Protein backbone atom coordinates (compact mmCIF):
# COMPACT_ATOMS: atom_id res chain seq x y z
CA MET A 1 -50.81 32.70 181.24
CA LEU A 2 -54.18 34.07 180.38
CA TRP A 3 -52.66 36.07 177.50
CA ASN A 4 -50.82 33.13 176.25
CA SER A 5 -54.07 30.91 176.34
CA VAL A 6 -55.91 33.72 174.29
CA GLN A 7 -52.97 33.86 171.72
CA ARG A 8 -53.23 30.18 171.34
CA LEU A 9 -56.98 30.19 171.10
CA PHE A 10 -56.67 32.90 168.34
CA THR A 11 -54.16 30.89 166.40
CA LEU A 12 -56.45 27.85 166.59
CA LEU A 13 -59.34 29.85 165.10
CA ALA A 14 -57.09 31.42 162.46
CA VAL A 15 -55.97 28.19 161.31
CA LEU A 16 -59.38 26.65 161.22
CA TRP A 17 -60.65 29.78 159.34
CA GLY A 18 -57.85 29.57 156.72
CA ALA A 19 -58.28 25.93 155.97
CA ALA A 20 -62.01 26.22 155.58
CA THR A 21 -61.86 29.16 153.41
CA LEU A 22 -58.95 27.80 151.17
CA THR A 23 -60.88 24.54 150.87
CA PHE A 24 -64.03 26.18 149.78
CA ILE A 25 -62.25 28.41 147.29
CA ALA A 26 -60.34 25.37 145.74
CA LEU A 27 -63.48 23.23 145.32
CA LYS A 28 -65.45 25.94 143.69
CA LEU A 29 -62.50 26.50 141.32
CA ILE A 30 -62.44 22.85 140.17
CA PRO A 31 -64.57 22.23 137.10
CA GLY A 32 -67.66 20.01 137.66
CA ASP A 33 -71.01 20.24 139.28
CA PRO A 34 -71.46 17.86 142.33
CA VAL A 35 -75.02 17.43 141.37
CA SER A 36 -74.19 16.12 137.74
CA ILE A 37 -71.33 14.05 139.03
CA LEU A 38 -73.61 12.39 141.66
CA SER A 39 -76.90 12.03 139.52
CA GLY A 40 -74.77 10.51 136.68
CA GLY A 41 -75.21 13.37 134.20
CA ALA A 42 -77.74 15.60 132.62
CA ASN A 43 -79.22 12.71 130.45
CA VAL A 44 -79.84 10.32 133.55
CA VAL A 45 -82.09 12.28 135.75
CA ASP A 46 -84.87 14.91 134.77
CA ASP A 47 -84.46 18.54 135.48
CA ALA A 48 -86.89 18.56 138.43
CA PHE A 49 -84.66 16.02 140.33
CA ARG A 50 -81.66 17.99 139.59
CA ALA A 51 -83.25 21.13 140.90
CA GLN A 52 -84.46 19.12 143.97
CA LEU A 53 -80.86 18.05 144.68
CA THR A 54 -79.39 21.36 144.18
CA HIS A 55 -81.81 23.07 146.66
CA GLU A 56 -81.10 20.19 149.13
CA PHE A 57 -77.42 20.90 148.92
CA GLY A 58 -77.70 24.62 149.27
CA LEU A 59 -76.15 25.06 145.59
CA ASP A 60 -78.76 27.44 144.48
CA GLN A 61 -77.75 30.16 146.97
CA PRO A 62 -75.22 32.83 146.11
CA ILE A 63 -71.50 31.99 146.58
CA TRP A 64 -70.94 34.27 149.60
CA LEU A 65 -74.13 32.97 151.39
CA GLN A 66 -72.75 29.34 150.78
CA TYR A 67 -69.30 30.53 152.22
CA LEU A 68 -70.89 32.01 155.38
CA HIS A 69 -73.13 28.98 155.78
CA TYR A 70 -70.18 26.41 155.61
CA LEU A 71 -67.92 28.65 157.69
CA GLY A 72 -70.50 29.13 160.49
CA HIS A 73 -71.39 25.66 160.79
CA ALA A 74 -67.83 24.32 160.42
CA LEU A 75 -66.50 26.49 163.28
CA ILE A 76 -68.94 25.03 165.73
CA GLY A 77 -68.35 21.38 164.51
CA ASP A 78 -71.36 20.98 162.30
CA PHE A 79 -70.15 20.00 158.69
CA GLY A 80 -73.59 18.78 157.50
CA GLN A 81 -74.30 15.77 155.47
CA SER A 82 -72.12 14.27 153.07
CA TYR A 83 -73.59 14.45 149.44
CA GLN A 84 -72.22 11.04 148.39
CA TYR A 85 -72.90 9.13 151.68
CA ARG A 86 -76.20 10.74 152.58
CA GLU A 87 -75.26 10.60 156.22
CA PRO A 88 -73.62 13.07 158.89
CA VAL A 89 -69.86 14.06 157.81
CA VAL A 90 -68.66 13.47 161.22
CA ASN A 91 -69.97 9.77 161.14
CA VAL A 92 -68.25 9.22 157.77
CA ILE A 93 -64.93 10.52 158.78
CA PHE A 94 -64.85 8.63 162.29
CA ALA A 95 -65.73 5.55 160.57
CA ALA A 96 -62.94 5.82 158.17
CA LEU A 97 -60.57 7.28 160.89
CA LYS A 98 -60.60 4.19 162.74
CA GLN A 99 -58.87 2.21 159.82
CA THR A 100 -56.38 5.14 159.26
CA LEU A 101 -55.44 5.47 162.72
CA VAL A 102 -54.17 1.73 162.94
CA LEU A 103 -52.26 2.30 159.83
CA ALA A 104 -50.74 5.72 161.12
CA VAL A 105 -50.02 4.48 164.56
CA GLY A 106 -48.20 1.35 163.43
CA ALA A 107 -46.20 3.20 160.82
CA LEU A 108 -45.08 5.81 163.49
CA VAL A 109 -44.07 3.26 165.96
CA LEU A 110 -42.22 1.21 163.42
CA ALA A 111 -40.53 4.33 162.10
CA LEU A 112 -39.64 5.46 165.52
CA GLY A 113 -38.05 2.08 166.43
CA LEU A 114 -36.05 1.86 163.13
CA ALA A 115 -34.88 5.31 163.70
CA VAL A 116 -33.72 4.74 167.27
CA LEU A 117 -31.80 1.63 166.36
CA ASN A 118 -30.20 3.18 163.24
CA ALA A 119 -29.16 6.34 165.23
CA LEU A 120 -27.61 4.20 168.01
CA ALA A 121 -25.92 2.00 165.78
CA THR A 122 -24.16 4.63 163.51
CA ALA A 123 -23.93 7.78 165.41
CA GLY A 124 -20.09 8.66 165.77
CA ARG A 125 -18.92 5.13 164.82
CA TRP A 126 -18.42 2.82 161.81
CA ARG A 127 -18.09 5.37 159.24
CA VAL A 128 -18.62 2.70 156.24
CA LEU A 129 -21.76 1.64 157.88
CA ARG A 130 -22.91 5.14 158.65
CA ALA A 131 -22.30 6.20 155.02
CA LEU A 132 -24.21 3.13 153.82
CA PHE A 133 -27.36 3.98 155.92
CA ALA A 134 -27.22 7.59 155.11
CA GLY A 135 -27.22 6.72 151.41
CA LEU A 136 -30.29 4.43 152.03
CA GLU A 137 -31.96 7.03 153.79
CA LEU A 138 -31.59 9.53 150.98
CA CYS A 139 -33.09 7.00 148.53
CA LEU A 140 -36.13 6.35 150.79
CA LEU A 141 -36.75 10.14 151.09
CA SER A 142 -36.46 10.48 147.36
CA THR A 143 -38.85 7.61 146.43
CA PRO A 144 -42.59 8.25 146.28
CA VAL A 145 -44.43 6.30 148.74
CA TYR A 146 -46.93 4.79 146.15
CA TRP A 147 -43.62 3.30 144.34
CA LEU A 148 -42.53 1.66 147.53
CA GLY A 149 -46.05 0.12 147.88
CA ILE A 150 -45.97 -1.15 144.39
CA ILE A 151 -42.61 -2.78 144.90
CA LEU A 152 -43.71 -4.42 148.23
CA LEU A 153 -46.95 -5.63 146.44
CA SER A 154 -45.05 -7.02 143.50
CA VAL A 155 -42.58 -9.00 145.50
CA PHE A 156 -44.29 -10.09 148.69
CA SER A 157 -47.98 -10.43 147.40
CA PHE A 158 -48.02 -11.33 143.64
CA LYS A 159 -44.58 -13.09 143.53
CA LEU A 160 -44.16 -14.62 147.04
CA GLN A 161 -47.88 -14.39 147.99
CA LEU A 162 -47.08 -13.98 151.71
CA PHE A 163 -49.58 -11.15 152.42
CA PRO A 164 -52.85 -10.04 150.63
CA VAL A 165 -53.06 -7.77 147.77
CA MET A 166 -55.64 -5.46 149.12
CA GLY A 167 -58.39 -5.01 151.69
CA ASN A 168 -58.60 -4.58 155.58
CA ASP A 169 -58.83 -8.15 156.65
CA GLY A 170 -56.72 -9.07 159.51
CA TRP A 171 -53.27 -8.13 160.62
CA ARG A 172 -51.60 -9.43 157.57
CA SER A 173 -53.26 -6.97 155.37
CA LEU A 174 -51.59 -4.25 157.70
CA VAL A 175 -48.00 -5.57 157.29
CA LEU A 176 -46.99 -3.90 153.86
CA PRO A 177 -49.06 -0.67 154.09
CA ILE A 178 -47.31 -0.08 157.61
CA ILE A 179 -43.95 -0.88 156.22
CA THR A 180 -44.53 1.32 153.22
CA LEU A 181 -45.66 4.41 155.15
CA SER A 182 -42.99 3.96 157.82
CA LEU A 183 -39.82 3.72 155.66
CA PRO A 184 -39.63 7.36 154.68
CA LEU A 185 -40.70 8.55 158.04
CA ALA A 186 -37.69 6.22 159.45
CA ALA A 187 -35.34 7.75 156.98
CA ILE A 188 -35.94 11.40 158.13
CA LEU A 189 -36.09 10.53 161.76
CA SER A 190 -32.80 8.74 161.52
CA GLN A 191 -30.97 11.63 160.02
CA ILE A 192 -32.29 13.91 162.67
CA LEU A 193 -31.67 11.54 165.59
CA ARG A 194 -27.97 10.69 164.39
CA ASP A 195 -27.13 14.28 164.01
CA GLY A 196 -28.56 15.17 167.38
CA LEU A 197 -26.87 12.30 169.07
CA GLU A 198 -23.45 12.83 167.60
CA GLU A 199 -23.84 16.48 168.69
CA ALA A 200 -24.93 15.44 172.25
CA LEU A 201 -22.07 13.01 172.69
CA SER A 202 -19.57 15.89 171.68
CA GLN A 203 -20.95 18.06 174.43
CA PRO A 204 -19.05 18.37 178.00
CA PHE A 205 -21.79 16.70 179.83
CA ALA A 206 -20.88 13.44 177.86
CA LEU A 207 -17.17 13.59 178.91
CA THR A 208 -18.49 14.08 182.58
CA VAL A 209 -20.72 11.12 182.22
CA ARG A 210 -17.82 9.00 180.89
CA THR A 211 -15.55 10.20 183.67
CA ARG A 212 -18.17 8.77 186.28
CA GLY A 213 -17.92 5.28 184.83
CA ALA A 214 -20.92 5.05 182.72
CA GLY A 215 -20.65 2.83 179.73
CA GLU A 216 -21.19 3.95 176.06
CA THR A 217 -24.54 2.16 175.81
CA ARG A 218 -26.07 4.12 179.02
CA LEU A 219 -24.54 7.27 177.82
CA ARG A 220 -26.34 6.93 174.55
CA LEU A 221 -29.68 5.68 175.91
CA ARG A 222 -30.20 7.67 178.90
CA HIS A 223 -28.43 10.99 178.06
CA GLY A 224 -27.63 11.20 174.40
CA LEU A 225 -31.07 10.16 173.04
CA ARG A 226 -32.83 12.66 175.36
CA HIS A 227 -31.12 15.56 173.97
CA ALA A 228 -31.29 14.27 170.32
CA SER A 229 -35.05 13.82 170.79
CA LEU A 230 -35.48 17.83 170.99
CA ALA A 231 -34.61 18.18 167.50
CA ALA A 232 -36.66 15.27 166.36
CA SER A 233 -39.76 16.44 168.24
CA THR A 234 -39.71 19.74 166.00
CA LEU A 235 -40.49 17.52 163.06
CA THR A 236 -43.80 16.32 164.48
CA GLY A 237 -45.82 18.62 162.44
CA THR A 238 -44.06 17.55 159.12
CA MET A 239 -44.13 13.97 160.05
CA LEU A 240 -47.89 14.29 160.83
CA ALA A 241 -48.34 15.81 157.31
CA ASN A 242 -46.43 13.01 155.82
CA VAL A 243 -48.53 10.32 157.50
CA LEU A 244 -51.66 11.99 156.22
CA SER A 245 -50.62 12.60 152.82
CA GLY A 246 -48.81 9.28 152.75
CA SER A 247 -52.00 7.36 154.04
CA ILE A 248 -53.92 8.72 151.34
CA LEU A 249 -51.50 7.13 148.55
CA THR A 250 -50.82 3.95 150.52
CA GLU A 251 -54.47 3.33 151.15
CA THR A 252 -55.05 3.77 147.44
CA VAL A 253 -52.21 1.35 146.31
CA PHE A 254 -53.35 -1.42 148.84
CA GLY A 255 -56.93 -0.74 148.30
CA ARG A 256 -57.74 0.07 151.97
CA ALA A 257 -60.72 1.80 153.37
CA GLY A 258 -59.81 4.71 155.27
CA ILE A 259 -59.42 8.58 155.39
CA GLY A 260 -57.38 8.29 151.91
CA LYS A 261 -60.28 6.46 150.30
CA ILE A 262 -63.00 8.83 151.24
CA THR A 263 -60.71 11.90 150.47
CA LEU A 264 -60.22 10.80 146.99
CA GLN A 265 -63.93 9.99 146.38
CA ALA A 266 -64.98 13.22 148.03
CA ILE A 267 -62.92 15.37 145.85
CA ALA A 268 -63.86 13.51 142.72
CA SER A 269 -67.67 13.94 143.68
CA ARG A 270 -67.18 17.55 144.77
CA ASP A 271 -68.63 16.57 148.03
CA MET A 272 -67.88 19.77 149.94
CA PRO A 273 -69.11 19.07 153.30
CA LEU A 274 -66.95 15.84 153.39
CA VAL A 275 -63.77 17.49 152.05
CA LEU A 276 -64.29 20.61 154.42
CA GLY A 277 -64.56 18.23 157.35
CA ILE A 278 -61.48 16.10 156.40
CA VAL A 279 -59.45 19.56 156.15
CA MET A 280 -60.69 20.78 159.30
CA LEU A 281 -59.99 17.72 161.03
CA SER A 282 -56.38 17.66 159.69
CA ALA A 283 -55.91 21.34 160.57
CA LEU A 284 -57.14 20.74 164.16
CA LEU A 285 -54.81 17.73 164.40
CA PHE A 286 -51.88 19.96 163.42
CA VAL A 287 -52.69 22.60 166.01
CA ILE A 288 -53.15 20.00 168.84
CA ILE A 289 -50.04 18.26 168.04
CA ASN A 290 -47.98 21.53 168.12
CA LEU A 291 -49.47 22.27 171.38
CA LEU A 292 -48.31 18.77 172.74
CA VAL A 293 -44.97 19.15 171.29
CA ASP A 294 -44.45 22.56 173.27
CA ALA A 295 -45.67 20.77 176.40
CA ALA A 296 -43.28 17.90 175.70
CA TYR A 297 -40.33 20.39 175.43
CA LEU A 298 -40.80 21.25 179.18
CA LEU A 299 -40.51 17.38 180.07
CA VAL A 300 -37.72 16.64 177.96
CA ASP A 301 -35.41 19.59 178.78
CA PRO A 302 -35.35 20.70 182.38
CA ARG A 303 -33.57 24.04 181.44
CA LEU A 304 -36.98 25.20 179.70
CA ARG A 305 -38.82 24.60 183.07
CA LYS A 306 -36.49 26.70 184.87
CA ARG A 307 -36.93 29.54 182.35
CA THR A 308 -40.80 29.34 182.63
CA SER A 309 -40.76 29.14 186.45
């Protein structure tokens, strides 16, 4: 147990170090000077003010010293002050994270609900309906999130005027973004759950359950879905990546304030402390989610508990 904990801690530190290093290198390779971008150009402010900003941001130091400064402070959770917002990076991120979490959680819940209903309705039955849904899932997986958002905006906002075009005002402004973000997630979850459910229903335990007089609905809900969820849970990390990347595009299309908006602004303005904070938060979430998935395996599959005992 102690060695396992040490390994997990080392993995966490390695992931955070890699994320911080790659982000630092990428931002330094992108053309553009953050001082020039934030000050409006060389002809807007004088050289003295530019030199003051350069010193304030620490950009007058050697590259290796800037790297060590960012890395050392990032690993202890101190991401400094945002160049653009002129306030602590943590405050900026958490203010935007509240909006993104509502969108992400709503999309995940809707995607899970649609995937479960789809898998229960089509697994091992009604081949025509199964083929129809499989084709629809393939189309959704092949369609960019921003394109889905534009279609939904064109139909339900511009033409039917049922939902607002942009903003964060009320639950109505969440409907179209949640649907946009959830459809590709529901498509991939449906495929995995349906395949896992069909495999579970072909196992010997399914025949045993049927011989005991259990109905098909009870077999699918109580036994089949439990086995199918093992395969789906392995995609949690990928789904998290889809939610994070999809939220940036979704929030941009629908003009929502959130992590997506501040990420694009931070990259455009070369706001390294803010970009670094967002990337480190994403990396930390990936590690935490994977640890939770490993723990969930023990709850879902009793055989794993026996092996570890």
